[in-house]
Amino acid sequence: MNRKRWAAAAAVAAVLVLLLCVAVAVNRSGTAGPSSPPARQAFGFDAAYADRDPLVLVVRYGDSSSCPSKAVARSVLQESDRVVVTLTRTPRDTNQICTSNYAAKLVRIHLSAPLGSRTVIDGSRQKPVPISPGNPPFG
């Protein structure tokens, strides 16, 4: 009986050591535990429009209709001489093949003060975008 108990205890110990080694290897590979969400991706817009409402700015960006931007968000920094607009989206799948067809998308931005003569800056490129008067096309 002692040999059977010894063999059983040795088998249990071997299994525990094996499980411990697997747990350490998985932890080192970074595949264990919850993964952090991917960082948002900033992207540019190609036009800005002064709406008839002086407290509204409309920006237009081009999107591929085969791979549209997902979860588009905007951040707006309003200063006395400029309005900086940064558009972000969920990162695109780099393995997906997208067509280059252009689909115009509009984003309405409510301002705390009239746009007036302030410059509109594309925050993703830190470059001014010309402001067109009147309603934007496609929308």
N, C-alpha and C. Protein backbone atom coordinates (compact mmCIF):
# COMPACT_ATOMS: atom_id res chain seq x y z
N MET A 1 0.80 -1.19 0.00
CA MET A 1 0.00 0.00 0.00
C MET A 1 0.85 1.26 0.00
N ASN A 2 1.96 1.23 0.68
CA ASN A 2 2.79 2.43 0.75
C ASN A 2 3.29 2.83 -0.63
N ARG A 3 3.63 1.82 -1.46
CA ARG A 3 4.10 2.12 -2.81
C ARG A 3 2.99 2.77 -3.63
N LYS A 4 1.75 2.29 -3.47
CA LYS A 4 0.63 2.86 -4.22
C LYS A 4 0.39 4.31 -3.79
N ARG A 5 0.47 4.57 -2.50
CA ARG A 5 0.28 5.94 -2.01
C ARG A 5 1.40 6.84 -2.50
N TRP A 6 2.60 6.33 -2.45
CA TRP A 6 3.76 7.11 -2.91
C TRP A 6 3.62 7.42 -4.40
N ALA A 7 3.21 6.45 -5.21
CA ALA A 7 3.04 6.65 -6.64
C ALA A 7 1.93 7.66 -6.92
N ALA A 8 0.84 7.57 -6.17
CA ALA A 8 -0.28 8.51 -6.35
C ALA A 8 0.15 9.92 -5.97
N ALA A 9 0.86 10.07 -4.88
CA ALA A 9 1.33 11.39 -4.45
C ALA A 9 2.32 11.97 -5.47
N ALA A 10 3.17 11.14 -6.02
CA ALA A 10 4.13 11.59 -7.02
C ALA A 10 3.41 12.02 -8.29
N ALA A 11 2.36 11.29 -8.67
CA ALA A 11 1.59 11.64 -9.86
C ALA A 11 0.88 12.98 -9.67
N VAL A 12 0.29 13.18 -8.50
CA VAL A 12 -0.39 14.44 -8.20
C VAL A 12 0.61 15.59 -8.21
N ALA A 13 1.77 15.38 -7.63
CA ALA A 13 2.80 16.42 -7.60
C ALA A 13 3.26 16.74 -9.03
N ALA A 14 3.41 15.74 -9.86
CA ALA A 14 3.84 15.97 -11.25
C ALA A 14 2.80 16.78 -12.01
N VAL A 15 1.52 16.48 -11.81
CA VAL A 15 0.46 17.22 -12.47
C VAL A 15 0.46 18.67 -11.99
N LEU A 16 0.63 18.89 -10.69
CA LEU A 16 0.67 20.25 -10.15
C LEU A 16 1.84 21.04 -10.72
N VAL A 17 2.99 20.42 -10.82
CA VAL A 17 4.17 21.09 -11.39
C VAL A 17 3.91 21.43 -12.86
N LEU A 18 3.29 20.51 -13.60
CA LEU A 18 2.98 20.75 -15.00
C LEU A 18 2.01 21.92 -15.14
N LEU A 19 0.97 21.95 -14.32
CA LEU A 19 0.00 23.06 -14.37
C LEU A 19 0.66 24.39 -14.02
N LEU A 20 1.54 24.38 -13.04
CA LEU A 20 2.25 25.59 -12.65
C LEU A 20 3.13 26.10 -13.80
N CYS A 21 3.81 25.20 -14.50
CA CYS A 21 4.65 25.59 -15.64
C CYS A 21 3.80 26.18 -16.77
N VAL A 22 2.66 25.59 -17.04
CA VAL A 22 1.78 26.11 -18.09
C VAL A 22 1.28 27.50 -17.70
N ALA A 23 0.88 27.68 -16.44
CA ALA A 23 0.39 28.98 -15.99
C ALA A 23 1.47 30.05 -16.12
N VAL A 24 2.69 29.75 -15.79
CA VAL A 24 3.79 30.71 -15.90
C VAL A 24 4.05 31.04 -17.38
N ALA A 25 4.02 30.03 -18.24
CA ALA A 25 4.27 30.27 -19.67
C ALA A 25 3.18 31.13 -20.28
N VAL A 26 1.93 30.88 -19.94
CA VAL A 26 0.83 31.68 -20.46
C VAL A 26 0.92 33.11 -19.96
N ASN A 27 1.27 33.29 -18.71
CA ASN A 27 1.39 34.63 -18.14
C ASN A 27 2.50 35.42 -18.83
N ARG A 28 3.58 34.78 -19.17
CA ARG A 28 4.69 35.47 -19.84
C ARG A 28 4.36 35.82 -21.28
N SER A 29 3.53 35.03 -21.93
CA SER A 29 3.20 35.30 -23.33
C SER A 29 2.21 36.43 -23.48
N GLY A 30 1.60 36.85 -22.39
CA GLY A 30 0.67 37.97 -22.43
C GLY A 30 -0.72 37.59 -22.91
N THR A 31 -1.00 36.30 -23.04
CA THR A 31 -2.31 35.90 -23.52
C THR A 31 -3.30 35.66 -22.39
N ALA A 32 -2.85 35.66 -21.18
CA ALA A 32 -3.77 35.46 -20.07
C ALA A 32 -4.35 36.79 -19.62
N GLY A 33 -5.52 36.75 -19.09
CA GLY A 33 -6.15 37.96 -18.54
C GLY A 33 -6.83 38.78 -19.61
N PRO A 34 -7.58 39.76 -19.18
CA PRO A 34 -8.31 40.60 -20.15
C PRO A 34 -7.35 41.48 -20.94
N SER A 35 -7.64 41.63 -22.23
CA SER A 35 -6.79 42.49 -23.04
C SER A 35 -7.33 43.91 -23.00
N SER A 36 -6.44 44.87 -23.13
CA SER A 36 -6.87 46.26 -23.11
C SER A 36 -7.42 46.62 -24.48
N PRO A 37 -8.41 47.50 -24.53
CA PRO A 37 -8.97 47.87 -25.83
C PRO A 37 -7.93 48.62 -26.66
N PRO A 38 -8.00 48.49 -27.99
CA PRO A 38 -7.02 49.19 -28.82
C PRO A 38 -7.19 50.69 -28.71
N ALA A 39 -6.08 51.39 -28.83
CA ALA A 39 -6.12 52.86 -28.77
C ALA A 39 -6.92 53.39 -29.95
N ARG A 40 -7.58 54.51 -29.74
CA ARG A 40 -8.35 55.11 -30.84
C ARG A 40 -7.39 55.69 -31.86
N GLN A 41 -7.84 55.78 -33.07
CA GLN A 41 -7.02 56.24 -34.19
C GLN A 41 -7.54 57.59 -34.67
N ALA A 42 -6.69 58.61 -34.64
CA ALA A 42 -7.08 59.93 -35.14
C ALA A 42 -7.00 59.91 -36.67
N PHE A 43 -7.92 60.63 -37.30
CA PHE A 43 -7.89 60.72 -38.76
C PHE A 43 -8.36 62.10 -39.17
N GLY A 44 -7.99 62.50 -40.37
CA GLY A 44 -8.23 63.86 -40.83
C GLY A 44 -9.58 64.06 -41.49
N PHE A 45 -9.97 65.32 -41.60
CA PHE A 45 -11.16 65.69 -42.36
C PHE A 45 -10.75 66.66 -43.44
N ASP A 46 -11.56 66.72 -44.50
CA ASP A 46 -11.13 67.49 -45.67
C ASP A 46 -11.85 68.81 -45.88
N ALA A 47 -12.89 69.10 -45.11
CA ALA A 47 -13.61 70.36 -45.31
C ALA A 47 -14.32 70.76 -44.03
N ALA A 48 -14.51 72.08 -43.89
CA ALA A 48 -15.27 72.64 -42.77
C ALA A 48 -16.26 73.64 -43.33
N TYR A 49 -17.44 73.69 -42.73
CA TYR A 49 -18.50 74.57 -43.20
C TYR A 49 -19.05 75.37 -42.03
N ALA A 50 -19.20 76.68 -42.26
CA ALA A 50 -19.85 77.54 -41.28
C ALA A 50 -21.36 77.38 -41.51
N ASP A 51 -22.04 76.82 -40.57
CA ASP A 51 -23.47 76.60 -40.67
C ASP A 51 -24.21 77.93 -40.57
N ARG A 52 -25.48 77.94 -40.96
CA ARG A 52 -26.29 79.16 -40.81
C ARG A 52 -26.43 79.52 -39.33
N ASP A 53 -26.43 78.51 -38.49
CA ASP A 53 -26.44 78.74 -37.04
C ASP A 53 -24.99 79.08 -36.65
N PRO A 54 -24.72 80.27 -36.13
CA PRO A 54 -23.33 80.67 -35.83
C PRO A 54 -22.67 79.81 -34.75
N LEU A 55 -23.47 79.03 -34.03
CA LEU A 55 -22.90 78.16 -32.99
C LEU A 55 -22.69 76.73 -33.46
N VAL A 56 -22.76 76.52 -34.78
CA VAL A 56 -22.57 75.17 -35.33
C VAL A 56 -21.49 75.20 -36.41
N LEU A 57 -20.59 74.24 -36.31
CA LEU A 57 -19.56 74.01 -37.31
C LEU A 57 -19.78 72.59 -37.84
N VAL A 58 -19.68 72.42 -39.15
CA VAL A 58 -19.83 71.09 -39.76
C VAL A 58 -18.51 70.74 -40.42
N VAL A 59 -17.99 69.55 -40.11
CA VAL A 59 -16.79 69.07 -40.78
C VAL A 59 -17.15 67.84 -41.60
N ARG A 60 -16.45 67.68 -42.73
CA ARG A 60 -16.71 66.56 -43.64
C ARG A 60 -15.44 65.74 -43.77
N TYR A 61 -15.60 64.44 -43.65
CA TYR A 61 -14.48 63.54 -43.90
C TYR A 61 -14.89 62.50 -44.93
N GLY A 62 -13.92 61.97 -45.63
CA GLY A 62 -14.16 60.94 -46.62
C GLY A 62 -13.96 59.57 -46.01
N ASP A 63 -14.82 58.66 -46.39
CA ASP A 63 -14.77 57.32 -45.84
C ASP A 63 -14.96 56.32 -46.97
N SER A 64 -14.39 55.17 -46.84
CA SER A 64 -14.61 54.10 -47.80
C SER A 64 -15.91 53.41 -47.43
N SER A 65 -16.82 53.27 -48.40
CA SER A 65 -18.09 52.63 -48.06
C SER A 65 -17.92 51.13 -47.83
N SER A 66 -16.81 50.55 -48.28
CA SER A 66 -16.58 49.13 -48.02
C SER A 66 -15.95 48.90 -46.65
N CYS A 67 -15.30 49.90 -46.08
CA CYS A 67 -14.68 49.80 -44.76
C CYS A 67 -14.97 51.09 -43.98
N PRO A 68 -16.20 51.33 -43.63
CA PRO A 68 -16.52 52.60 -42.97
C PRO A 68 -15.87 52.72 -41.59
N SER A 69 -15.59 53.95 -41.20
CA SER A 69 -15.04 54.21 -39.87
C SER A 69 -16.09 53.83 -38.83
N LYS A 70 -15.63 53.24 -37.74
CA LYS A 70 -16.54 52.80 -36.69
C LYS A 70 -16.31 53.61 -35.43
N ALA A 71 -17.41 53.89 -34.74
CA ALA A 71 -17.37 54.61 -33.46
C ALA A 71 -16.62 55.93 -33.58
N VAL A 72 -16.99 56.73 -34.57
CA VAL A 72 -16.34 58.03 -34.76
C VAL A 72 -16.70 58.94 -33.59
N ALA A 73 -15.68 59.54 -33.01
CA ALA A 73 -15.86 60.49 -31.91
C ALA A 73 -15.11 61.76 -32.25
N ARG A 74 -15.49 62.83 -31.60
CA ARG A 74 -14.83 64.11 -31.84
C ARG A 74 -14.42 64.73 -30.52
N SER A 75 -13.31 65.43 -30.57
CA SER A 75 -12.94 66.27 -29.43
C SER A 75 -12.70 67.66 -30.00
N VAL A 76 -13.13 68.65 -29.24
CA VAL A 76 -13.08 70.03 -29.72
C VAL A 76 -12.41 70.90 -28.66
N LEU A 77 -11.41 71.64 -29.09
CA LEU A 77 -10.74 72.61 -28.23
C LEU A 77 -11.04 73.99 -28.82
N GLN A 78 -11.76 74.81 -28.05
CA GLN A 78 -12.15 76.14 -28.54
C GLN A 78 -11.30 77.19 -27.87
N GLU A 79 -10.61 77.96 -28.68
CA GLU A 79 -9.80 79.06 -28.19
C GLU A 79 -10.29 80.35 -28.84
N SER A 80 -9.77 81.48 -28.41
CA SER A 80 -10.26 82.76 -28.92
C SER A 80 -9.99 82.96 -30.41
N ASP A 81 -8.92 82.35 -30.92
CA ASP A 81 -8.57 82.56 -32.33
C ASP A 81 -8.69 81.31 -33.20
N ARG A 82 -9.02 80.16 -32.59
CA ARG A 82 -9.11 78.94 -33.39
C ARG A 82 -9.98 77.89 -32.70
N VAL A 83 -10.43 76.95 -33.52
CA VAL A 83 -11.19 75.79 -33.04
C VAL A 83 -10.45 74.56 -33.57
N VAL A 84 -9.97 73.72 -32.64
CA VAL A 84 -9.23 72.52 -33.03
C VAL A 84 -10.18 71.33 -32.91
N VAL A 85 -10.41 70.66 -34.02
CA VAL A 85 -11.30 69.50 -34.06
C VAL A 85 -10.46 68.27 -34.36
N THR A 86 -10.57 67.25 -33.50
CA THR A 86 -9.88 65.99 -33.73
C THR A 86 -10.92 64.88 -33.81
N LEU A 87 -10.93 64.18 -34.94
CA LEU A 87 -11.82 63.04 -35.12
C LEU A 87 -11.03 61.77 -34.82
N THR A 88 -11.66 60.84 -34.10
CA THR A 88 -11.03 59.55 -33.83
C THR A 88 -12.02 58.44 -34.15
N ARG A 89 -11.48 57.25 -34.36
CA ARG A 89 -12.30 56.08 -34.65
C ARG A 89 -11.63 54.84 -34.05
N THR A 90 -12.38 53.77 -34.05
CA THR A 90 -11.81 52.49 -33.66
C THR A 90 -10.83 52.10 -34.77
N PRO A 91 -9.65 51.60 -34.42
CA PRO A 91 -8.69 51.24 -35.46
C PRO A 91 -9.26 50.24 -36.46
N ARG A 92 -8.88 50.41 -37.70
CA ARG A 92 -9.32 49.49 -38.75
C ARG A 92 -8.51 48.20 -38.70
N ASP A 93 -9.13 47.14 -39.17
CA ASP A 93 -8.46 45.85 -39.28
C ASP A 93 -7.46 45.95 -40.44
N THR A 94 -6.20 45.77 -40.15
CA THR A 94 -5.17 45.92 -41.18
C THR A 94 -5.20 44.78 -42.20
N ASN A 95 -5.90 43.70 -41.90
CA ASN A 95 -5.99 42.58 -42.84
C ASN A 95 -7.16 42.74 -43.81
N GLN A 96 -8.02 43.73 -43.59
CA GLN A 96 -9.18 43.92 -44.44
C GLN A 96 -8.82 44.78 -45.64
N ILE A 97 -9.24 44.37 -46.81
CA ILE A 97 -8.97 45.12 -48.03
C ILE A 97 -10.15 46.06 -48.26
N CYS A 98 -9.85 47.35 -48.39
CA CYS A 98 -10.89 48.37 -48.56
C CYS A 98 -10.78 48.99 -49.95
N THR A 99 -11.92 49.36 -50.49
CA THR A 99 -11.93 50.07 -51.77
C THR A 99 -11.64 51.55 -51.51
N SER A 100 -11.25 52.25 -52.54
CA SER A 100 -10.91 53.67 -52.37
C SER A 100 -12.07 54.59 -52.74
N ASN A 101 -13.28 54.04 -52.86
CA ASN A 101 -14.42 54.91 -53.18
C ASN A 101 -14.68 55.88 -52.04
N TYR A 102 -15.14 57.07 -52.39
CA TYR A 102 -15.31 58.15 -51.42
C TYR A 102 -16.78 58.28 -51.03
N ALA A 103 -17.02 58.21 -49.75
CA ALA A 103 -18.36 58.46 -49.22
C ALA A 103 -18.21 59.60 -48.22
N ALA A 104 -18.88 60.71 -48.47
CA ALA A 104 -18.77 61.88 -47.58
C ALA A 104 -19.59 61.65 -46.31
N LYS A 105 -18.99 61.95 -45.18
CA LYS A 105 -19.66 61.86 -43.88
C LYS A 105 -19.55 63.23 -43.22
N LEU A 106 -20.62 63.65 -42.57
CA LEU A 106 -20.65 64.96 -41.92
C LEU A 106 -20.73 64.81 -40.41
N VAL A 107 -20.04 65.71 -39.71
CA VAL A 107 -20.08 65.75 -38.25
C VAL A 107 -20.44 67.17 -37.84
N ARG A 108 -21.55 67.31 -37.13
CA ARG A 108 -21.98 68.62 -36.62
C ARG A 108 -21.36 68.85 -35.25
N ILE A 109 -20.79 70.02 -35.08
CA ILE A 109 -20.12 70.37 -33.83
C ILE A 109 -20.78 71.63 -33.28
N HIS A 110 -21.26 71.54 -32.05
CA HIS A 110 -21.87 72.69 -31.39
C HIS A 110 -20.78 73.47 -30.65
N LEU A 111 -20.72 74.76 -30.93
CA LEU A 111 -19.70 75.63 -30.35
C LEU A 111 -20.26 76.40 -29.15
N SER A 112 -19.40 76.80 -28.26
CA SER A 112 -19.83 77.59 -27.10
C SER A 112 -19.90 79.08 -27.43
N ALA A 113 -19.25 79.47 -28.52
CA ALA A 113 -19.28 80.86 -28.99
C ALA A 113 -19.31 80.81 -30.51
N PRO A 114 -19.85 81.82 -31.18
CA PRO A 114 -19.89 81.79 -32.64
C PRO A 114 -18.51 81.58 -33.25
N LEU A 115 -18.49 80.88 -34.39
CA LEU A 115 -17.23 80.60 -35.07
C LEU A 115 -16.55 81.91 -35.47
N GLY A 116 -17.31 82.84 -36.04
CA GLY A 116 -16.74 84.14 -36.42
C GLY A 116 -15.55 83.98 -37.34
N SER A 117 -14.46 84.65 -37.01
CA SER A 117 -13.27 84.61 -37.86
C SER A 117 -12.22 83.61 -37.34
N ARG A 118 -12.61 82.76 -36.42
CA ARG A 118 -11.65 81.78 -35.88
C ARG A 118 -11.24 80.77 -36.97
N THR A 119 -10.01 80.33 -36.89
CA THR A 119 -9.46 79.32 -37.79
C THR A 119 -9.89 77.94 -37.31
N VAL A 120 -10.21 77.05 -38.25
CA VAL A 120 -10.52 75.66 -37.91
C VAL A 120 -9.28 74.82 -38.19
N ILE A 121 -8.85 74.06 -37.20
CA ILE A 121 -7.65 73.25 -37.30
C ILE A 121 -8.04 71.77 -37.25
N ASP A 122 -7.49 70.98 -38.18
CA ASP A 122 -7.64 69.52 -38.14
C ASP A 122 -6.62 69.03 -37.11
N GLY A 123 -7.11 68.57 -35.96
CA GLY A 123 -6.23 68.17 -34.86
C GLY A 123 -5.35 66.97 -35.17
N SER A 124 -5.74 66.13 -36.13
CA SER A 124 -4.91 64.95 -36.44
C SER A 124 -3.65 65.34 -37.20
N ARG A 125 -3.71 66.45 -37.92
CA ARG A 125 -2.56 66.91 -38.71
C ARG A 125 -2.00 68.24 -38.23
N GLN A 126 -2.75 68.90 -37.32
CA GLN A 126 -2.38 70.24 -36.83
C GLN A 126 -2.26 71.23 -37.98
N LYS A 127 -3.19 71.15 -38.94
CA LYS A 127 -3.19 72.05 -40.10
C LYS A 127 -4.54 72.73 -40.23
N PRO A 128 -4.54 74.00 -40.66
CA PRO A 128 -5.82 74.70 -40.88
C PRO A 128 -6.59 74.08 -42.04
N VAL A 129 -7.90 74.11 -41.92
CA VAL A 129 -8.80 73.63 -42.97
C VAL A 129 -9.62 74.83 -43.43
N PRO A 130 -9.70 75.07 -44.74
CA PRO A 130 -10.50 76.20 -45.23
C PRO A 130 -11.97 76.05 -44.83
N ILE A 131 -12.60 77.19 -44.50
CA ILE A 131 -14.00 77.19 -44.11
C ILE A 131 -14.84 77.67 -45.29
N SER A 132 -15.81 76.85 -45.67
CA SER A 132 -16.72 77.20 -46.75
C SER A 132 -18.03 77.72 -46.16
N PRO A 133 -18.57 78.79 -46.72
CA PRO A 133 -19.85 79.27 -46.23
C PRO A 133 -21.00 78.43 -46.79
N GLY A 134 -22.14 78.50 -46.16
CA GLY A 134 -23.32 77.80 -46.67
C GLY A 134 -23.38 76.35 -46.25
N ASN A 135 -24.36 75.65 -46.79
CA ASN A 135 -24.56 74.24 -46.43
C ASN A 135 -23.56 73.34 -47.13
N PRO A 136 -23.10 72.31 -46.44
CA PRO A 136 -22.17 71.38 -47.06
C PRO A 136 -22.89 70.53 -48.10
N PRO A 137 -22.16 70.12 -49.16
CA PRO A 137 -22.77 69.20 -50.12
C PRO A 137 -22.98 67.83 -49.47
N PHE A 138 -23.80 67.04 -50.03
CA PHE A 138 -24.11 65.68 -49.57
C PHE A 138 -24.83 65.69 -48.24
N GLY A 139 -25.50 66.73 -47.89
CA GLY A 139 -26.15 66.59 -46.61
C GLY A 139 -26.90 67.70 -46.10
